[in-house]
Protein backbone atom coordinates (compact mmCIF):
# COMPACT_ATOMS: atom_id res chain seq x y z
CA MET A 1 -73.42 12.45 -140.60
CA ALA A 2 -72.00 9.97 -138.10
CA ALA A 3 -69.28 10.27 -135.44
CA VAL A 4 -67.36 7.06 -134.63
CA ASP A 5 -65.53 6.19 -131.40
CA LEU A 6 -62.33 4.60 -132.76
CA ASP A 7 -61.50 2.77 -129.52
CA ARG A 8 -64.83 0.97 -129.49
CA CYS A 9 -65.47 1.12 -133.27
CA ALA A 10 -68.98 2.29 -132.52
CA VAL A 11 -71.14 5.18 -133.73
CA VAL A 12 -71.60 7.68 -130.87
CA TRP A 13 -73.90 10.17 -132.59
CA ARG A 14 -75.65 10.85 -135.87
CA ALA A 15 -76.77 14.28 -137.05
CA GLU A 16 -79.07 15.39 -139.85
CA VAL A 17 -77.35 17.56 -142.45
CA GLY A 18 -78.26 18.47 -146.04
CA ARG A 19 -78.75 15.96 -148.84
CA GLU A 20 -75.72 14.02 -150.10
CA PRO A 21 -73.00 15.22 -147.73
CA ILE A 22 -69.67 14.45 -149.41
CA PRO A 23 -66.63 15.95 -147.62
CA VAL A 24 -66.20 17.19 -144.06
CA VAL A 25 -63.55 19.30 -142.30
CA LEU A 26 -62.89 20.02 -138.62
CA ASP A 27 -62.03 23.54 -137.46
CA PRO A 28 -59.92 22.85 -134.32
CA PRO A 29 -60.19 26.33 -132.70
CA THR A 30 -63.99 26.17 -132.57
CA ARG A 31 -64.46 22.35 -132.47
CA ARG A 32 -66.89 22.74 -135.37
CA LEU A 33 -67.47 20.39 -138.28
CA PHE A 34 -68.30 21.71 -141.76
CA THR A 35 -69.93 19.36 -144.25
CA ALA A 36 -70.71 20.21 -147.88
CA ASP A 37 -74.23 19.04 -148.76
CA ALA A 38 -74.04 18.58 -152.53
CA ARG A 39 -77.72 18.19 -153.36
CA SER A 40 -78.88 20.88 -150.95
CA ASP A 41 -76.40 23.59 -152.02
CA THR A 42 -75.52 24.17 -148.39
CA VAL A 43 -72.79 23.79 -145.80
CA THR A 44 -73.98 22.42 -142.46
CA VAL A 45 -72.01 23.37 -139.34
CA LEU A 46 -72.09 20.97 -136.37
CA ASP A 47 -70.65 20.84 -132.87
CA ALA A 48 -67.97 18.13 -133.15
CA ASP A 49 -68.55 16.82 -129.62
CA THR A 50 -72.32 16.58 -129.59
CA GLY A 51 -73.42 16.68 -133.22
CA GLY A 52 -75.68 19.63 -132.48
CA ARG A 53 -76.40 21.88 -135.43
CA VAL A 54 -74.81 25.33 -135.24
CA ALA A 55 -75.73 26.74 -138.66
CA GLN A 56 -76.58 25.93 -142.26
CA ILE A 57 -75.12 28.21 -144.93
CA ARG A 58 -76.26 28.60 -148.54
CA VAL A 59 -73.40 28.28 -151.06
CA GLY A 60 -73.02 27.62 -154.81
CA SER A 61 -74.60 24.83 -156.82
CA TYR A 62 -73.64 21.23 -155.91
CA PRO A 63 -70.80 21.81 -153.42
CA ALA A 64 -68.75 18.60 -153.67
CA GLY A 65 -65.42 19.69 -152.18
CA LEU A 66 -64.07 21.59 -149.18
CA GLY A 67 -60.91 23.47 -148.28
CA HIS A 68 -59.77 24.93 -144.96
CA ASP A 69 -57.40 27.77 -144.05
CA VAL A 70 -57.19 27.72 -140.26
CA ALA A 71 -54.85 30.72 -140.02
CA ARG A 72 -57.03 32.98 -142.18
CA ARG A 73 -60.25 31.59 -140.67
CA ARG A 74 -61.75 30.48 -143.96
CA VAL A 75 -63.65 27.42 -145.14
CA PHE A 76 -64.05 27.02 -148.91
CA THR A 77 -66.53 25.02 -150.98
CA GLY A 78 -65.89 23.82 -154.54
CA ASP A 79 -69.24 24.34 -156.24
CA THR A 80 -69.27 21.72 -159.00
CA ALA A 81 -72.26 22.79 -161.08
CA SER A 82 -71.72 26.55 -160.85
CA GLY A 83 -67.94 26.42 -161.34
CA THR A 84 -67.20 28.63 -158.35
CA VAL A 85 -65.47 28.57 -154.98
CA THR A 86 -67.47 29.99 -152.06
CA ALA A 87 -65.53 31.43 -149.10
CA ILE A 88 -67.05 31.20 -145.60
CA ASP A 89 -65.81 33.02 -142.49
CA ALA A 90 -65.18 30.16 -140.03
CA ASP A 91 -66.02 32.34 -137.01
CA ARG A 92 -68.94 34.43 -138.19
CA LEU A 93 -70.34 31.55 -140.31
CA GLU A 94 -71.24 33.73 -143.25
CA VAL A 95 -70.25 33.89 -146.91
CA VAL A 96 -67.54 36.48 -147.51
CA GLY A 97 -67.00 36.09 -151.24
CA THR A 98 -66.67 33.82 -154.27
CA VAL A 99 -63.94 32.92 -156.75
CA ARG A 100 -64.61 32.09 -160.38
CA ALA A 101 -63.26 28.58 -161.00
CA GLN A 102 -64.31 26.15 -163.76
CA LEU A 103 -66.95 23.48 -164.22
CA GLY A 104 -66.55 20.58 -161.83
CA ALA A 105 -64.96 22.64 -159.04
CA GLY A 106 -64.44 20.36 -156.05
CA SER A 107 -61.62 19.53 -153.65
CA ILE A 108 -59.51 22.49 -152.43
CA ALA A 109 -56.00 22.34 -150.96
CA VAL A 110 -54.69 25.38 -149.08
CA ASP A 111 -51.00 26.19 -148.55
CA ALA A 112 -51.08 28.03 -145.21
CA GLY A 113 -47.52 29.26 -145.67
CA THR A 114 -48.10 31.08 -148.93
CA GLY A 115 -51.83 31.71 -148.69
CA ARG A 116 -52.38 30.04 -152.05
CA ALA A 117 -55.32 27.70 -152.61
CA TYR A 118 -55.76 25.11 -155.35
CA CYS A 119 -59.22 23.96 -156.48
CA VAL A 120 -59.56 20.89 -158.73
CA ASN A 121 -61.99 21.22 -161.64
CA PHE A 122 -63.21 17.71 -162.48
CA LEU A 123 -64.96 18.56 -165.75
CA SER A 124 -62.30 21.00 -166.97
CA ALA A 125 -59.13 18.98 -166.25
CA SER A 126 -57.51 21.85 -164.39
CA LEU A 127 -56.66 23.49 -161.07
CA THR A 128 -57.80 27.01 -160.25
CA VAL A 129 -55.23 28.88 -158.13
CA PHE A 130 -56.36 31.77 -155.90
CA ASP A 131 -55.29 33.78 -152.85
CA SER A 132 -57.11 32.40 -149.81
CA GLY A 133 -57.10 35.79 -148.06
CA THR A 134 -58.01 38.25 -150.80
CA LEU A 135 -59.79 35.68 -153.04
CA ARG A 136 -57.85 37.07 -156.01
CA PRO A 137 -57.48 34.56 -158.88
CA LEU A 138 -53.82 33.64 -159.50
CA GLY A 139 -53.99 31.39 -162.54
CA ARG A 140 -54.82 27.95 -163.83
CA VAL A 141 -52.84 24.68 -163.99
CA PRO A 142 -53.82 22.07 -166.62
CA VAL A 143 -53.87 18.43 -165.48
CA HIS A 144 -55.23 15.18 -166.90
CA ASP A 145 -58.93 14.32 -167.07
CA GLY A 146 -61.11 13.89 -164.01
CA PRO A 147 -59.04 15.46 -161.21
CA CYS A 148 -60.76 14.63 -157.92
CA LYS A 149 -58.56 15.44 -154.91
CA ALA A 150 -55.64 17.80 -154.30
CA VAL A 151 -53.33 17.36 -151.31
CA LEU A 152 -50.26 19.38 -150.35
CA ALA A 153 -47.00 17.63 -149.65
CA PRO A 154 -45.97 18.16 -146.00
CA GLY A 155 -43.78 21.24 -145.87
CA GLY A 156 -45.06 22.53 -149.21
CA GLY A 157 -43.13 22.47 -152.43
CA ALA A 158 -45.48 20.07 -154.21
CA LEU A 159 -49.13 19.25 -154.71
CA TYR A 160 -50.49 15.78 -155.43
CA VAL A 161 -53.64 15.36 -157.56
CA THR A 162 -55.66 12.20 -158.27
CA GLU A 163 -56.66 11.99 -161.93
CA SER A 164 -59.55 9.55 -161.97
CA LEU A 165 -60.09 8.92 -165.69
CA PRO A 166 -56.50 7.95 -166.68
CA SER A 167 -55.99 6.40 -163.21
CA THR A 168 -52.91 8.39 -162.29
CA VAL A 169 -51.58 10.60 -159.50
CA ALA A 170 -49.91 13.83 -160.66
CA ARG A 171 -47.16 15.70 -158.82
CA VAL A 172 -47.33 19.48 -159.31
CA ALA A 173 -44.27 21.57 -158.40
CA LEU A 174 -45.00 24.70 -156.36
CA PRO A 175 -45.14 27.64 -156.53
CA GLY A 176 -44.72 27.44 -160.32
CA GLY A 177 -47.67 25.10 -160.83
CA ARG A 178 -46.13 22.70 -163.34
CA VAL A 179 -46.80 18.95 -163.50
CA VAL A 180 -43.41 17.29 -163.01
CA GLY A 181 -44.41 13.62 -162.77
CA ARG A 182 -47.18 11.06 -162.72
CA SER A 183 -47.54 7.62 -161.18
CA PRO A 184 -50.08 4.95 -162.15
CA ALA A 185 -52.85 3.97 -159.74
CA GLU A 186 -55.57 1.34 -159.81
CA ARG A 187 -59.03 2.03 -161.25
CA ALA A 188 -60.60 5.48 -160.74
CA PRO A 189 -58.47 7.01 -157.96
CA VAL A 190 -60.49 9.72 -156.20
CA GLY A 191 -59.41 10.17 -152.55
CA LEU A 192 -55.89 10.94 -151.38
CA HIS A 193 -53.96 11.47 -148.15
CA ALA A 194 -50.28 12.21 -147.45
CA SER A 195 -48.58 11.00 -144.26
CA ASP A 196 -47.18 13.71 -141.98
CA ASP A 197 -43.59 12.63 -142.65
CA GLY A 198 -44.16 13.00 -146.39
CA ARG A 199 -43.12 9.44 -147.19
CA TRP A 200 -46.41 7.77 -148.07
CA LEU A 201 -49.38 8.64 -150.25
CA TYR A 202 -52.62 6.74 -149.67
CA VAL A 203 -54.72 6.61 -152.85
CA CYS A 204 -58.39 5.55 -152.72
CA ASN A 205 -59.17 3.56 -155.88
CA ARG A 206 -62.92 3.91 -156.04
CA GLY A 207 -63.31 1.59 -159.01
CA ALA A 208 -61.34 -1.25 -157.42
CA GLY A 209 -62.27 -1.19 -153.72
CA THR A 210 -58.65 -0.72 -152.70
CA VAL A 211 -56.23 1.83 -151.25
CA GLY A 212 -52.85 2.01 -152.94
CA VAL A 213 -49.85 2.88 -150.76
CA HIS A 214 -47.40 4.91 -152.86
CA ASP A 215 -43.84 5.89 -152.05
CA ALA A 216 -43.99 9.68 -152.39
CA ARG A 217 -40.28 9.89 -153.27
CA THR A 218 -40.44 7.55 -156.26
CA GLY A 219 -44.15 7.64 -157.11
CA SER A 220 -44.28 3.84 -157.18
CA GLU A 221 -47.04 1.83 -155.56
CA GLN A 222 -45.65 -0.36 -152.79
CA HIS A 223 -48.76 -2.39 -151.98
CA ARG A 224 -52.56 -2.36 -152.00
CA ILE A 225 -55.05 -2.67 -149.18
CA THR A 226 -58.46 -4.20 -149.88
CA VAL A 227 -61.23 -2.15 -148.23
CA GLY A 228 -64.98 -1.73 -148.83
CA ASN A 229 -66.77 -0.88 -152.06
CA GLY A 230 -66.23 2.54 -153.62
CA PRO A 231 -63.68 4.05 -151.22
CA GLY A 232 -64.04 7.81 -151.53
CA ASP A 233 -61.43 9.26 -149.21
CA CYS A 234 -59.10 8.42 -146.34
CA ALA A 235 -57.08 9.94 -143.49
CA LEU A 236 -54.57 8.84 -140.86
CA ASP A 237 -55.61 9.01 -137.21
CA PRO A 238 -52.84 11.09 -135.55
CA ALA A 239 -53.26 9.26 -132.22
CA THR A 240 -52.92 5.66 -133.45
CA GLY A 241 -51.57 5.91 -136.99
CA TRP A 242 -54.54 3.90 -138.22
CA LEU A 243 -55.74 4.56 -141.76
CA LEU A 244 -59.46 5.41 -141.85
CA VAL A 245 -61.22 4.82 -145.18
CA SER A 246 -64.79 5.83 -146.00
CA ASN A 247 -66.44 3.33 -148.36
CA ALA A 248 -69.26 5.06 -150.23
CA GLY A 249 -70.35 1.91 -152.04
CA SER A 250 -70.81 -0.21 -148.93
CA GLY A 251 -71.66 2.45 -146.31
CA THR A 252 -68.78 1.42 -144.05
CA LEU A 253 -65.59 2.71 -142.46
CA SER A 254 -62.45 0.60 -142.86
CA VAL A 255 -59.85 0.88 -140.07
CA VAL A 256 -56.38 -0.31 -141.13
CA ASP A 257 -53.58 -0.88 -138.61
CA ARG A 258 -49.98 -0.25 -139.76
CA PRO A 259 -51.03 0.71 -143.31
CA TRP A 260 -47.43 1.20 -144.47
CA LEU A 261 -46.85 -2.57 -144.30
CA PRO A 262 -47.72 -4.88 -147.22
CA GLY A 263 -51.18 -6.38 -146.94
CA GLY A 264 -52.56 -9.67 -148.19
CA ARG A 265 -52.28 -10.85 -151.75
CA PRO A 266 -54.74 -9.26 -154.21
CA ALA A 267 -57.69 -11.37 -155.26
CA ALA A 268 -56.98 -13.79 -158.10
CA ALA A 269 -58.27 -12.83 -161.53
CA HIS A 270 -61.34 -14.66 -162.82
CA PRO A 271 -60.41 -17.43 -165.32
CA ALA A 272 -62.48 -15.73 -168.03
CA GLU A 273 -60.73 -12.35 -167.64
CA GLY A 274 -58.98 -11.29 -170.84
CA ARG A 275 -60.51 -14.06 -172.95
CA PRO A 276 -62.79 -13.26 -175.92
CA LEU A 277 -66.54 -13.48 -175.41
CA PRO A 278 -68.17 -16.67 -176.69
CA GLY A 279 -70.59 -16.39 -179.57
CA PHE A 280 -74.17 -15.48 -178.64
CA SER A 281 -77.34 -14.01 -180.11
CA LEU A 282 -79.89 -11.62 -178.64
CA PRO A 283 -83.11 -10.05 -179.91
CA ASP A 284 -82.94 -6.38 -180.88
CA ALA A 285 -85.35 -4.65 -178.47
CA PHE A 286 -86.41 -2.19 -181.20
CA THR A 287 -87.04 -4.51 -184.17
CA GLY A 288 -87.20 -7.95 -182.57
CA ARG A 289 -84.61 -9.28 -185.02
CA ILE A 290 -82.17 -11.88 -183.65
CA ARG A 291 -78.68 -10.41 -183.85
CA THR A 292 -75.37 -12.22 -183.46
CA SER A 293 -72.47 -11.32 -181.20
CA ARG A 294 -70.62 -9.83 -184.18
CA GLU A 295 -73.52 -7.51 -184.98
CA TRP A 296 -73.75 -6.39 -181.34
CA ALA A 297 -70.01 -5.74 -181.21
CA GLU A 298 -70.22 -3.43 -184.22
CA LYS A 299 -72.96 -1.26 -182.72
CA LYS A 300 -71.96 2.05 -181.13
CA TYR A 301 -72.78 2.85 -177.50
CA VAL A 302 -72.60 5.99 -175.36
CA ILE A 303 -71.18 5.44 -171.87
CA ASP A 304 -72.08 7.97 -169.17
CA PHE A 305 -69.33 8.13 -166.56
CA PHE A 306 -69.58 9.97 -163.25
CA ALA A 307 -67.03 10.01 -160.43
CA SER A 308 -67.66 11.73 -157.11
CA TRP A 309 -64.95 12.69 -154.68
């Protein structure tokens, strides 16, 4: 894990955590960082100022999402492979319980006002709702395929969810838990952030290398910002208003000034885009027979798709 000085745009420390750290949260009262280490089945706790390791906690299988309830002193992991949510006491740094979710459990949004938490289930196209204090399950909300990130609207009243497979952002009315609208995004939206004033939604389009800026009131995309490859998530720096975007595909951090303003024009489409493929022939690797483009087009293929968040 790396800490970056935003004034100098320089890395100030790096710390060893578990394998494949995906999300991270800061607990302000303790100045501790919690990172979910997906391939180690652990949460690593670091000192935010020095990067020194404080603890490493065993959780469920493949923790790929985090949630944080500062008031109730809880950190939650969405355990993708085991379909559970693990609750950690943020002060004692120990597991205090689990919640049964569904396969693909990941990102968790917590409504501090109501004490309700919402865990996205990527493989089950749903949200698991539970009480962040008692860990009591409170129900399930169906959404579209591949939900990756859940974010509360400032002030409550709504939850936004990126749905990566249909490339949409869903708006869920709270506390009822009913989808009341959807807006289109670019390819494979995974990360999401809402501005403090509730006006803008920043949508990380992992499949396109862009961040879409959506008007939260209308759901319409206002403009797109080109960033690095595979943007996974983003956040606004409260001191400067800069948008910070982590680019998983290029191993970089994009820093965007005044992200609510329209950016440059999107890249022009390739001249061949949308046109039919020219005729060709290729040898069949199994039989050696030369097959034409028509024969290849009629063959069936299985596509394995995986989106991380």
